[in-house]
PDB file of N, CA and C in Angstrom:
ATOM      1  N   MET A   1      -7.941 -22.696   1.839  1.00  0.00           N
ATOM      2  CA  MET A   1      -7.162 -22.418   1.405  1.00  0.00           C
ATOM      3  C   MET A   1      -6.008 -23.299   2.219  1.00  0.00           C
ATOM      4  N   ASP A   2      -5.230 -23.996   2.093  1.00  0.00           N
ATOM      5  CA  ASP A   2      -4.270 -24.625   2.462  1.00  0.00           C
ATOM      6  C   ASP A   2      -2.703 -24.181   3.017  1.00  0.00           C
ATOM      7  N   LEU A   3      -2.892 -24.600   3.993  1.00  0.00           N
ATOM      8  CA  LEU A   3      -1.312 -23.803   4.564  1.00  0.00           C
ATOM      9  C   LEU A   3      -0.446 -23.311   3.353  1.00  0.00           C
ATOM     10  N   GLY A   4      -0.044 -24.465   2.782  1.00  0.00           N
ATOM     11  CA  GLY A   4       1.222 -24.363   1.468  1.00  0.00           C
ATOM     12  C   GLY A   4       0.983 -23.538   0.655  1.00  0.00           C
ATOM     13  N   LYS A   5      -0.161 -23.351   0.667  1.00  0.00           N
ATOM     14  CA  LYS A   5      -0.760 -21.907  -0.651  1.00  0.00           C
ATOM     15  C   LYS A   5      -0.353 -20.859  -0.235  1.00  0.00           C
ATOM     16  N   ARG A   6      -0.860 -20.677   0.855  1.00  0.00           N
ATOM     17  CA  ARG A   6      -0.885 -19.639   2.098  1.00  0.00           C
ATOM     18  C   ARG A   6       0.598 -18.944   1.892  1.00  0.00           C
ATOM     19  N   PHE A   7       1.625 -19.445   2.305  1.00  0.00           N
ATOM     20  CA  PHE A   7       2.749 -19.714   3.256  1.00  0.00           C
ATOM     21  C   PHE A   7       3.897 -19.271   0.951  1.00  0.00           C
ATOM     22  N   GLU A   8       2.736 -19.539   0.171  1.00  0.00           N
ATOM     23  CA  GLU A   8       3.833 -19.515  -1.113  1.00  0.00           C
ATOM     24  C   GLU A   8       3.300 -18.103  -1.370  1.00  0.00           C
ATOM     25  N   ASP A   9       1.848 -18.165  -1.513  1.00  0.00           N
ATOM     26  CA  ASP A   9       1.690 -16.616  -2.252  1.00  0.00           C
ATOM     27  C   ASP A   9       2.345 -15.819  -0.854  1.00  0.00           C
ATOM     28  N   ALA A  10       2.052 -15.812  -0.001  1.00  0.00           N
ATOM     29  CA  ALA A  10       2.735 -14.727   1.157  1.00  0.00           C
ATOM     30  C   ALA A  10       4.415 -14.239   0.541  1.00  0.00           C
ATOM     31  N   SER A  11       5.028 -15.247  -0.036  1.00  0.00           N
ATOM     32  CA  SER A  11       6.310 -14.395  -0.286  1.00  0.00           C
ATOM     33  C   SER A  11       6.388 -14.078  -1.938  1.00  0.00           C
ATOM     34  N   ALA A  12       5.401 -14.840  -2.197  1.00  0.00           N
ATOM     35  CA  ALA A  12       5.223 -13.979  -3.567  1.00  0.00           C
ATOM     36  C   ALA A  12       4.996 -12.647  -3.866  1.00  0.00           C
ATOM     37  N   PHE A  13       5.225 -11.753  -3.237  1.00  0.00           N
ATOM     38  CA  PHE A  13       4.932 -10.516  -2.921  1.00  0.00           C
ATOM     39  C   PHE A  13       6.190  -9.582  -2.504  1.00  0.00           C
ATOM     40  N   ALA A  14       6.805  -8.419  -3.700  1.00  0.00           N
ATOM     41  CA  ALA A  14       7.762  -7.687  -3.719  1.00  0.00           C
ATOM     42  C   ALA A  14       7.834  -6.771  -2.756  1.00  0.00           C
ATOM     43  N   ALA A  15       8.511  -6.185  -2.071  1.00  0.00           N
ATOM     44  CA  ALA A  15       8.236  -4.907  -0.773  1.00  0.00           C
ATOM     45  C   ALA A  15       9.087  -3.785  -1.513  1.00  0.00           C
ATOM     46  N   VAL A  16       8.337  -2.735  -1.845  1.00  0.00           N
ATOM     47  CA  VAL A  16       8.923  -2.061  -2.981  1.00  0.00           C
ATOM     48  C   VAL A  16       8.915  -1.050  -2.066  1.00  0.00           C
ATOM     49  N   SER A  17       9.702   0.272  -2.020  1.00  0.00           N
ATOM     50  CA  SER A  17      10.100   1.344  -1.497  1.00  0.00           C
ATOM     51  C   SER A  17       8.709   2.417  -2.496  1.00  0.00           C
ATOM     52  N   VAL A  18       8.598   3.570  -1.785  1.00  0.00           N
ATOM     53  CA  VAL A  18       7.560   4.453  -2.170  1.00  0.00           C
ATOM     54  C   VAL A  18       8.276   5.171  -2.755  1.00  0.00           C
ATOM     55  N   SER A  19       9.259   5.563  -2.801  1.00  0.00           N
ATOM     56  CA  SER A  19       9.689   6.175  -4.434  1.00  0.00           C
ATOM     57  C   SER A  19      10.309   5.254  -5.255  1.00  0.00           C
ATOM     58  N   SER A  20      10.007   4.427  -5.101  1.00  0.00           N
ATOM     59  CA  SER A  20      10.307   3.488  -6.540  1.00  0.00           C
ATOM     60  C   SER A  20       8.491   2.994  -7.624  1.00  0.00           C
ATOM     61  N   LEU A  21       8.057   3.818  -6.869  1.00  0.00           N
ATOM     62  CA  LEU A  21       6.396   3.764  -7.397  1.00  0.00           C
ATOM     63  C   LEU A  21       6.420   4.917  -8.180  1.00  0.00           C
ATOM     64  N   GLU A  22       6.207   5.003  -9.728  1.00  0.00           N
ATOM     65  CA  GLU A  22       6.008   5.623 -10.991  1.00  0.00           C
ATOM     66  C   GLU A  22       5.151   7.011 -10.592  1.00  0.00           C
ATOM     67  N   ALA A  23       5.082   8.638 -10.412  1.00  0.00           N
ATOM     68  CA  ALA A  23       5.061   9.243 -10.332  1.00  0.00           C
ATOM     69  C   ALA A  23       3.681   9.725 -10.987  1.00  0.00           C
ATOM     70  N   ASN A  24       2.544   9.745 -10.461  1.00  0.00           N
ATOM     71  CA  ASN A  24       0.943  10.197 -10.580  1.00  0.00           C
ATOM     72  C   ASN A  24       0.315   9.301 -11.791  1.00  0.00           C
ATOM     73  N   THR A  25       0.666   7.685 -11.316  1.00  0.00           N
ATOM     74  CA  THR A  25       0.306   6.533 -11.866  1.00  0.00           C
ATOM     75  C   THR A  25      -0.510   6.169 -10.966  1.00  0.00           C
ATOM     76  N   HIS A  26      -1.311   5.285 -11.414  1.00  0.00           N
ATOM     77  CA  HIS A  26      -3.024   4.979 -10.317  1.00  0.00           C
ATOM     78  C   HIS A  26      -2.188   3.337  -9.577  1.00  0.00           C
ATOM     79  N   TYR A  27      -2.175   2.929  -8.612  1.00  0.00           N
ATOM     80  CA  TYR A  27      -1.808   2.133  -8.694  1.00  0.00           C
ATOM     81  C   TYR A  27      -2.896   0.789  -7.741  1.00  0.00           C
ATOM     82  N   PRO A  28      -4.221   0.027  -8.137  1.00  0.00           N
ATOM     83  CA  PRO A  28      -4.915  -0.455  -7.120  1.00  0.00           C
ATOM     84  C   PRO A  28      -4.719  -1.237  -6.720  1.00  0.00           C
ATOM     85  N   VAL A  29      -5.317  -0.693  -4.639  1.00  0.00           N
ATOM     86  CA  VAL A  29      -4.841  -1.165  -3.862  1.00  0.00           C
ATOM     87  C   VAL A  29      -5.822  -2.054  -3.569  1.00  0.00           C
ATOM     88  N   THR A  30      -5.229  -3.350  -3.438  1.00  0.00           N
ATOM     89  CA  THR A  30      -5.618  -5.048  -3.521  1.00  0.00           C
ATOM     90  C   THR A  30      -6.453  -5.456  -2.228  1.00  0.00           C
ATOM     91  N   ARG A  31      -5.045  -4.655  -1.341  1.00  0.00           N
ATOM     92  CA  ARG A  31      -5.372  -5.187  -0.052  1.00  0.00           C
ATOM     93  C   ARG A  31      -4.418  -4.654   0.867  1.00  0.00           C
ATOM     94  N   ALA A  32      -4.895  -4.379   2.690  1.00  0.00           N
ATOM     95  CA  ALA A  32      -4.454  -3.821   3.557  1.00  0.00           C
ATOM     96  C   ALA A  32      -4.757  -4.076   4.449  1.00  0.00           C
ATOM     97  N   LYS A  33      -3.714  -4.116   5.434  1.00  0.00           N
ATOM     98  CA  LYS A  33      -2.997  -5.002   6.512  1.00  0.00           C
ATOM     99  C   LYS A  33      -2.786  -3.646   7.650  1.00  0.00           C
ATOM    100  N   ARG A  34      -2.340  -4.203   8.729  1.00  0.00           N
ATOM    101  CA  ARG A  34      -1.537  -3.062  10.019  1.00  0.00           C
ATOM    102  C   ARG A  34      -0.455  -4.147  10.465  1.00  0.00           C
ATOM    103  N   ILE A  35       0.708  -3.826  10.614  1.00  0.00           N
ATOM    104  CA  ILE A  35       1.673  -4.159  11.155  1.00  0.00           C
ATOM    105  C   ILE A  35       2.148  -4.233  12.282  1.00  0.00           C
ATOM    106  N   ASN A  36       3.009  -4.811  13.116  1.00  0.00           N
ATOM    107  CA  ASN A  36       3.661  -3.579  14.396  1.00  0.00           C
ATOM    108  C   ASN A  36       4.986  -4.246  14.124  1.00  0.00           C
ATOM    109  N   THR A  37       6.044  -3.209  13.645  1.00  0.00           N
ATOM    110  CA  THR A  37       7.467  -3.598  13.318  1.00  0.00           C
ATOM    111  C   THR A  37       8.316  -2.623  14.262  1.00  0.00           C
ATOM    112  N   LYS A  38       9.520  -2.244  14.720  1.00  0.00           N
ATOM    113  CA  LYS A  38      10.249  -2.198  15.340  1.00  0.00           C
ATOM    114  C   LYS A  38      10.041  -0.921  15.675  1.00  0.00           C
ATOM    115  N   TYR A  39       9.921   0.138  14.711  1.00  0.00           N
ATOM    116  CA  TYR A  39       8.972   1.406  15.117  1.00  0.00           C
ATOM    117  C   TYR A  39       8.185   1.863  15.181  1.00  0.00           C
ATOM    118  N   GLY A  40       7.507   0.840  15.472  1.00  0.00           N
ATOM    119  CA  GLY A  40       5.689   1.059  15.746  1.00  0.00           C
ATOM    120  C   GLY A  40       4.447   0.419  14.847  1.00  0.00           C
ATOM    121  N   LEU A  41       3.396   0.129  14.866  1.00  0.00           N
ATOM    122  CA  LEU A  41       2.176  -0.029  14.215  1.00  0.00           C
ATOM    123  C   LEU A  41       2.289   0.749  12.339  1.00  0.00           C
ATOM    124  N   ALA A  42       2.605  -0.150  11.505  1.00  0.00           N
ATOM    125  CA  ALA A  42       2.259   0.615  10.481  1.00  0.00           C
ATOM    126  C   ALA A  42       1.474   0.271   9.107  1.00  0.00           C
ATOM    127  N   VAL A  43       1.273   0.623   8.383  1.00  0.00           N
ATOM    128  CA  VAL A  43      -0.063   0.043   7.480  1.00  0.00           C
ATOM    129  C   VAL A  43       0.933  -0.274   6.070  1.00  0.00           C
ATOM    130  N   VAL A  44       0.748  -1.825   5.647  1.00  0.00           N
ATOM    131  CA  VAL A  44       1.237  -2.408   4.043  1.00  0.00           C
ATOM    132  C   VAL A  44      -0.029  -2.439   3.158  1.00  0.00           C
ATOM    133  N   LEU A  45       0.110  -1.847   1.960  1.00  0.00           N
ATOM    134  CA  LEU A  45      -0.722  -1.813   1.180  1.00  0.00           C
ATOM    135  C   LEU A  45      -0.290  -2.438   0.190  1.00  0.00           C
ATOM    136  N   THR A  46      -1.254  -3.523  -0.004  1.00  0.00           N
ATOM    137  CA  THR A  46      -0.787  -4.774  -1.749  1.00  0.00           C
ATOM    138  C   THR A  46      -1.513  -3.941  -2.427  1.00  0.00           C
ATOM    139  N   LEU A  47      -0.785  -3.602  -3.303  1.00  0.00           N
ATOM    140  CA  LEU A  47      -0.439  -3.189  -4.649  1.00  0.00           C
ATOM    141  C   LEU A  47      -0.587  -3.772  -6.057  1.00  0.00           C
ATOM    142  N   GLN A  48      -1.241  -3.514  -6.771  1.00  0.00           N
ATOM    143  CA  GLN A  48      -1.559  -4.107  -8.676  1.00  0.00           C
ATOM    144  C   GLN A  48      -0.283  -3.074  -9.150  1.00  0.00           C
ATOM    145  N   ASP A  49       0.791  -3.545  -9.854  1.00  0.00           N
ATOM    146  CA  ASP A  49       1.821  -3.391 -10.782  1.00  0.00           C
ATOM    147  C   ASP A  49       1.528  -2.823 -11.486  1.00  0.00           C
ATOM    148  N   PRO A  50       1.217  -2.640 -12.872  1.00  0.00           N
ATOM    149  CA  PRO A  50       1.157  -2.518 -14.273  1.00  0.00           C
ATOM    150  C   PRO A  50       2.612  -3.719 -14.955  1.00  0.00           C
ATOM    151  N   ASP A  51       4.091  -3.464 -14.397  1.00  0.00           N
ATOM    152  CA  ASP A  51       5.058  -3.650 -14.566  1.00  0.00           C
ATOM    153  C   ASP A  51       5.319  -4.860 -13.745  1.00  0.00           C
ATOM    154  N   GLU A  52       5.239  -4.765 -12.336  1.00  0.00           N
ATOM    155  CA  GLU A  52       6.124  -5.772 -12.125  1.00  0.00           C
ATOM    156  C   GLU A  52       4.705  -7.188 -11.322  1.00  0.00           C
ATOM    157  N   GLY A  53       3.902  -6.614 -10.960  1.00  0.00           N
ATOM    158  CA  GLY A  53       2.433  -6.984 -10.544  1.00  0.00           C
ATOM    159  C   GLY A  53       2.616  -7.607  -9.581  1.00  0.00           C
ATOM    160  N   VAL A  54       2.314  -7.850  -8.627  1.00  0.00           N
ATOM    161  CA  VAL A  54       1.801  -7.754  -7.377  1.00  0.00           C
ATOM    162  C   VAL A  54       2.924  -6.997  -6.261  1.00  0.00           C
ATOM    163  N   VAL A  55       2.861  -5.796  -5.416  1.00  0.00           N
ATOM    164  CA  VAL A  55       3.789  -5.309  -4.896  1.00  0.00           C
ATOM    165  C   VAL A  55       3.255  -4.836  -3.188  1.00  0.00           C
ATOM    166  N   GLN A  56       4.337  -4.766  -2.351  1.00  0.00           N
ATOM    167  CA  GLN A  56       3.586  -4.582  -1.396  1.00  0.00           C
ATOM    168  C   GLN A  56       4.323  -3.431  -1.287  1.00  0.00           C
ATOM    169  N   VAL A  57       3.979  -2.361  -0.074  1.00  0.00           N
ATOM    170  CA  VAL A  57       4.529  -1.098   0.498  1.00  0.00           C
ATOM    171  C   VAL A  57       4.790  -0.786   1.334  1.00  0.00           C
ATOM    172  N   PHE A  58       5.169  -0.735   2.232  1.00  0.00           N
ATOM    173  CA  PHE A  58       5.603   0.206   3.565  1.00  0.00           C
ATOM    174  C   PHE A  58       4.627   1.490   3.000  1.00  0.00           C
ATOM    175  N   LEU A  59       3.337   2.253   4.037  1.00  0.00           N
ATOM    176  CA  LEU A  59       2.921   3.555   4.417  1.00  0.00           C
ATOM    177  C   LEU A  59       3.887   4.463   5.205  1.00  0.00           C
ATOM    178  N   PRO A  60       4.699   5.539   4.928  1.00  0.00           N
ATOM    179  CA  PRO A  60       5.512   6.353   5.791  1.00  0.00           C
ATOM    180  C   PRO A  60       4.401   6.372   7.224  1.00  0.00           C
ATOM    181  N   GLN A  61       5.208   6.890   8.326  1.00  0.00           N
ATOM    182  CA  GLN A  61       4.002   6.830   9.209  1.00  0.00           C
ATOM    183  C   GLN A  61       3.042   7.929   9.903  1.00  0.00           C
ATOM    184  N   ARG A  62       3.284   8.894   8.871  1.00  0.00           N
ATOM    185  CA  ARG A  62       1.983  10.386   9.173  1.00  0.00           C
ATOM    186  C   ARG A  62       0.863   9.977   7.995  1.00  0.00           C
ATOM    187  N   HIS A  63       0.909   9.166   7.203  1.00  0.00           N
ATOM    188  CA  HIS A  63      -0.221   8.655   6.307  1.00  0.00           C
ATOM    189  C   HIS A  63      -1.015   6.464   7.591  1.00  0.00           C
ATOM    190  N   SER A  64      -0.060   6.048   7.616  1.00  0.00           N
ATOM    191  CA  SER A  64      -0.368   5.385   8.772  1.00  0.00           C
ATOM    192  C   SER A  64      -1.451   5.693  10.161  1.00  0.00           C
ATOM    193  N   ASP A  65      -1.047   6.801  10.597  1.00  0.00           N
ATOM    194  CA  ASP A  65      -1.617   6.847  11.237  1.00  0.00           C
ATOM    195  C   ASP A  65      -3.148   7.440  10.844  1.00  0.00           C
ATOM    196  N   VAL A  66      -3.607   7.870   9.580  1.00  0.00           N
ATOM    197  CA  VAL A  66      -4.552   8.448   9.843  1.00  0.00           C
ATOM    198  C   VAL A  66      -5.820   6.943   9.302  1.00  0.00           C
ATOM    199  N   ILE A  67      -5.224   6.010   8.964  1.00  0.00           N
ATOM    200  CA  ILE A  67      -5.705   4.610   8.089  1.00  0.00           C
ATOM    201  C   ILE A  67      -6.735   4.148   9.608  1.00  0.00           C
ATOM    202  N   THR A  68      -8.291   4.256   9.343  1.00  0.00           N
ATOM    203  CA  THR A  68      -8.840   3.536  11.110  1.00  0.00           C
ATOM    204  C   THR A  68      -8.519   1.881  10.407  1.00  0.00           C
ATOM    205  N   ASP A  69      -9.138   1.262  11.455  1.00  0.00           N
ATOM    206  CA  ASP A  69      -9.620  -0.375  11.473  1.00  0.00           C
ATOM    207  C   ASP A  69     -10.891  -0.358  10.037  1.00  0.00           C
ATOM    208  N   THR A  70     -11.855   0.645  10.542  1.00  0.00           N
ATOM    209  CA  THR A  70     -12.919   1.203   9.069  1.00  0.00           C
ATOM    210  C   THR A  70     -12.708   0.705   7.820  1.00  0.00           C
ATOM    211  N   ASP A  71     -11.106   1.776   7.836  1.00  0.00           N
ATOM    212  CA  ASP A  71     -11.128   2.482   6.412  1.00  0.00           C
ATOM    213  C   ASP A  71     -10.184   0.736   5.941  1.00  0.00           C
ATOM    214  N   LEU A  72      -9.672   0.373   6.361  1.00  0.00           N
ATOM    215  CA  LEU A  72      -9.213  -1.127   6.241  1.00  0.00           C
ATOM    216  C   LEU A  72      -9.921  -2.459   5.812  1.00  0.00           C
ATOM    217  N   THR A  73     -10.810  -2.629   6.668  1.00  0.00           N
ATOM    218  CA  THR A  73     -11.940  -3.189   5.932  1.00  0.00           C
ATOM    219  C   THR A  73     -12.694  -2.916   5.092  1.00  0.00           C
ATOM    220  N   THR A  74     -12.823  -1.949   4.467  1.00  0.00           N
ATOM    221  CA  THR A  74     -13.380  -1.542   3.504  1.00  0.00           C
ATOM    222  C   THR A  74     -12.430  -1.773   1.865  1.00  0.00           C
ATOM    223  N   ILE A  75     -11.745  -1.590   2.210  1.00  0.00           N
ATOM    224  CA  ILE A  75     -10.138  -1.373   1.681  1.00  0.00           C
ATOM    225  C   ILE A  75     -10.727  -3.670   1.426  1.00  0.00           C
ATOM    226  N   ASN A  76     -10.192  -4.185   2.377  1.00  0.00           N
ATOM    227  CA  ASN A  76     -10.072  -5.581   2.145  1.00  0.00           C
ATOM    228  C   ASN A  76     -11.505  -6.081   1.846  1.00  0.00           C
ATOM    229  N   THR A  77     -13.031  -5.671   1.691  1.00  0.00           N
ATOM    230  CA  THR A  77     -14.096  -6.635   1.657  1.00  0.00           C
ATOM    231  C   THR A  77     -14.098  -5.614   0.046  1.00  0.00           C
ATOM    232  N   LYS A  78     -13.449  -4.882  -0.181  1.00  0.00           N
ATOM    233  CA  LYS A  78     -13.403  -4.036  -1.686  1.00  0.00           C
ATOM    234  C   LYS A  78     -14.803  -3.567  -1.687  1.00  0.00           C
ATOM    235  N   THR A  79     -15.376  -3.405  -1.178  1.00  0.00           N
ATOM    236  CA  THR A  79     -16.479  -1.869  -0.459  1.00  0.00           C
ATOM    237  C   THR A  79     -15.972  -1.013  -1.424  1.00  0.00           C
ATOM    238  N   VAL A  80     -15.110  -0.236  -1.979  1.00  0.00           N
ATOM    239  CA  VAL A  80     -14.879   0.908  -2.747  1.00  0.00           C
ATOM    240  C   VAL A  80     -13.782   0.554  -3.314  1.00  0.00           C
ATOM    241  N   ALA A  81     -13.022   0.833  -4.744  1.00  0.00           N
ATOM    242  CA  ALA A  81     -12.052   0.986  -5.415  1.00  0.00           C
ATOM    243  C   ALA A  81     -11.059   1.485  -5.141  1.00  0.00           C
ATOM    244  N   LEU A  82      -9.896   1.765  -4.864  1.00  0.00           N
ATOM    245  CA  LEU A  82      -8.930   2.767  -4.518  1.00  0.00           C
ATOM    246  C   LEU A  82      -7.616   2.500  -4.796  1.00  0.00           C
ATOM    247  N   SER A  83      -7.100   3.581  -5.435  1.00  0.00           N
ATOM    248  CA  SER A  83      -5.473   3.260  -5.543  1.00  0.00           C
ATOM    249  C   SER A  83      -4.697   4.383  -4.507  1.00  0.00           C
ATOM    250  N   LEU A  84      -3.686   4.183  -5.230  1.00  0.00           N
ATOM    251  CA  LEU A  84      -2.457   4.756  -3.668  1.00  0.00           C
ATOM    252  C   LEU A  84      -1.594   5.611  -5.471  1.00  0.00           C
ATOM    253  N   VAL A  85      -1.785   6.685  -5.334  1.00  0.00           N
ATOM    254  CA  VAL A  85      -0.906   7.741  -6.083  1.00  0.00           C
ATOM    255  C   VAL A  85       0.133   8.353  -5.641  1.00  0.00           C
ATOM    256  N   TYR A  86       1.637   7.986  -5.876  1.00  0.00           N
ATOM    257  CA  TYR A  86       2.411   9.106  -5.585  1.00  0.00           C
ATOM    258  C   TYR A  86       2.772   9.161  -6.076  1.00  0.00           C
ATOM    259  N   LYS A  87       2.946  10.786  -5.724  1.00  0.00           N
ATOM    260  CA  LYS A  87       3.046  12.519  -6.169  1.00  0.00           C
ATOM    261  C   LYS A  87       4.291  12.445  -6.603  1.00  0.00           C
ATOM    262  N   GLY A  88       5.509  12.468  -6.021  1.00  0.00           N
ATOM    263  CA  GLY A  88       6.426  12.560  -6.236  1.00  0.00           C
ATOM    264  C   GLY A  88       7.038  13.070  -4.425  1.00  0.00           C
ATOM    265  N   LEU A  89       8.396  14.081  -4.301  1.00  0.00           N
ATOM    266  CA  LEU A  89       9.025  14.454  -3.032  1.00  0.00           C
ATOM    267  C   LEU A  89       8.287  15.885  -3.035  1.00  0.00           C
ATOM    268  N   CYS A  90       8.546  16.563  -1.618  1.00  0.00           N
ATOM    269  CA  CYS A  90       8.499  17.999  -1.276  1.00  0.00           C
ATOM    270  C   CYS A  90       9.769  18.392  -1.210  1.00  0.00           C
ATOM    271  N   ASP A  91       9.422  19.934  -2.222  1.00  0.00           N
ATOM    272  CA  ASP A  91      10.794  20.056  -2.431  1.00  0.00           C
ATOM    273  C   ASP A  91      11.571  20.386  -0.564  1.00  0.00           C
ATOM    274  N   SER A  92      10.871  20.989   0.206  1.00  0.00           N
ATOM    275  CA  SER A  92      11.173  21.396   0.950  1.00  0.00           C
ATOM    276  C   SER A  92      11.923  20.387   2.309  1.00  0.00           C
ATOM    277  N   SER A  93      10.464  19.158   2.494  1.00  0.00           N
ATOM    278  CA  SER A  93      10.501  18.248   4.015  1.00  0.00           C
ATOM    279  C   SER A  93      11.523  17.245   2.731  1.00  0.00           C
ATOM    280  N   LYS A  94      11.372  16.839   1.452  1.00  0.00           N
ATOM    281  CA  LYS A  94      12.136  15.243   1.112  1.00  0.00           C
ATOM    282  C   LYS A  94      11.299  14.489   1.255  1.00  0.00           C
ATOM    283  N   SER A  95       9.755  14.676   1.885  1.00  0.00           N
ATOM    284  CA  SER A  95       8.830  13.180   2.567  1.00  0.00           C
ATOM    285  C   SER A  95       8.258  13.456   1.355  1.00  0.00           C
ATOM    286  N   TYR A  96       7.549  12.080   0.698  1.00  0.00           N
ATOM    287  CA  TYR A  96       7.092  11.336   0.617  1.00  0.00           C
ATOM    288  C   TYR A  96       5.547  11.845   0.095  1.00  0.00           C
ATOM    289  N   LEU A  97       4.840  12.727  -1.101  1.00  0.00           N
ATOM    290  CA  LEU A  97       3.532  12.712  -1.079  1.00  0.00           C
ATOM    291  C   LEU A  97       3.108  12.058  -2.069  1.00  0.00           C
ATOM    292  N   LEU A  98       1.559  11.814  -0.843  1.00  0.00           N
ATOM    293  CA  LEU A  98       1.004  10.261  -1.530  1.00  0.00           C
ATOM    294  C   LEU A  98      -0.966  10.502  -1.382  1.00  0.00           C
ATOM    295  N   ALA A  99      -1.042  10.266  -2.417  1.00  0.00           N
ATOM    296  CA  ALA A  99      -3.042  10.691  -2.247  1.00  0.00           C
ATOM    297  C   ALA A  99      -3.450   8.658  -2.504  1.00  0.00           C
ATOM    298  N   ILE A 100      -4.617   8.957  -2.000  1.00  0.00           N
ATOM    299  CA  ILE A 100      -5.553   7.647  -2.404  1.00  0.00           C
ATOM    300  C   ILE A 100      -6.134   8.044  -2.858  1.00  0.00           C
ATOM    301  N   GLU A 101      -6.813   7.755  -4.043  1.00  0.00           N
ATOM    302  CA  GLU A 101      -7.867   8.099  -5.095  1.00  0.00           C
ATOM    303  C   GLU A 101      -8.676   6.696  -5.360  1.00  0.00           C
ATOM    304  N   SER A 102      -9.818   7.296  -5.545  1.00  0.00           N
ATOM    305  CA  SER A 102     -11.203   6.120  -6.188  1.00  0.00           C
ATOM    306  C   SER A 102     -10.327   5.662  -7.414  1.00  0.00           C
ATOM    307  N   SER A 103     -10.147   4.318  -7.955  1.00  0.00           N
ATOM    308  CA  SER A 103      -9.487   4.096  -9.662  1.00  0.00           C
ATOM    309  C   SER A 103      -9.998   4.372 -10.480  1.00  0.00           C
ATOM    310  N   PRO A 104      -9.779   4.507 -11.617  1.00  0.00           N
ATOM    311  CA  PRO A 104     -10.089   5.558 -12.633  1.00  0.00           C
ATOM    312  C   PRO A 104     -10.682   3.743 -13.326  1.00  0.00           C
TER     313      PRO A 104
END
């Protein structure tokens, strides 16, 4: 793929907040990558959203910390089909409740 096409594709994905995802909906994970941010290493998932098309979500740090390089390879080589599921907010801590599940 030429640089122009890759550059265009990189701009096509909207970054959305985890909280903007619909609760209890499976969002197929199409790609995962680890990036360096001003807050440290983070994992960004590219998701297939039925309403928005392709979106990217930054995982909270506690979730990014448990994803290994092997997990990233497994996701990116499509060895297993996974979905991100937003379960809502924790009542006490107000943190995002997320699950990675096999795609239906």
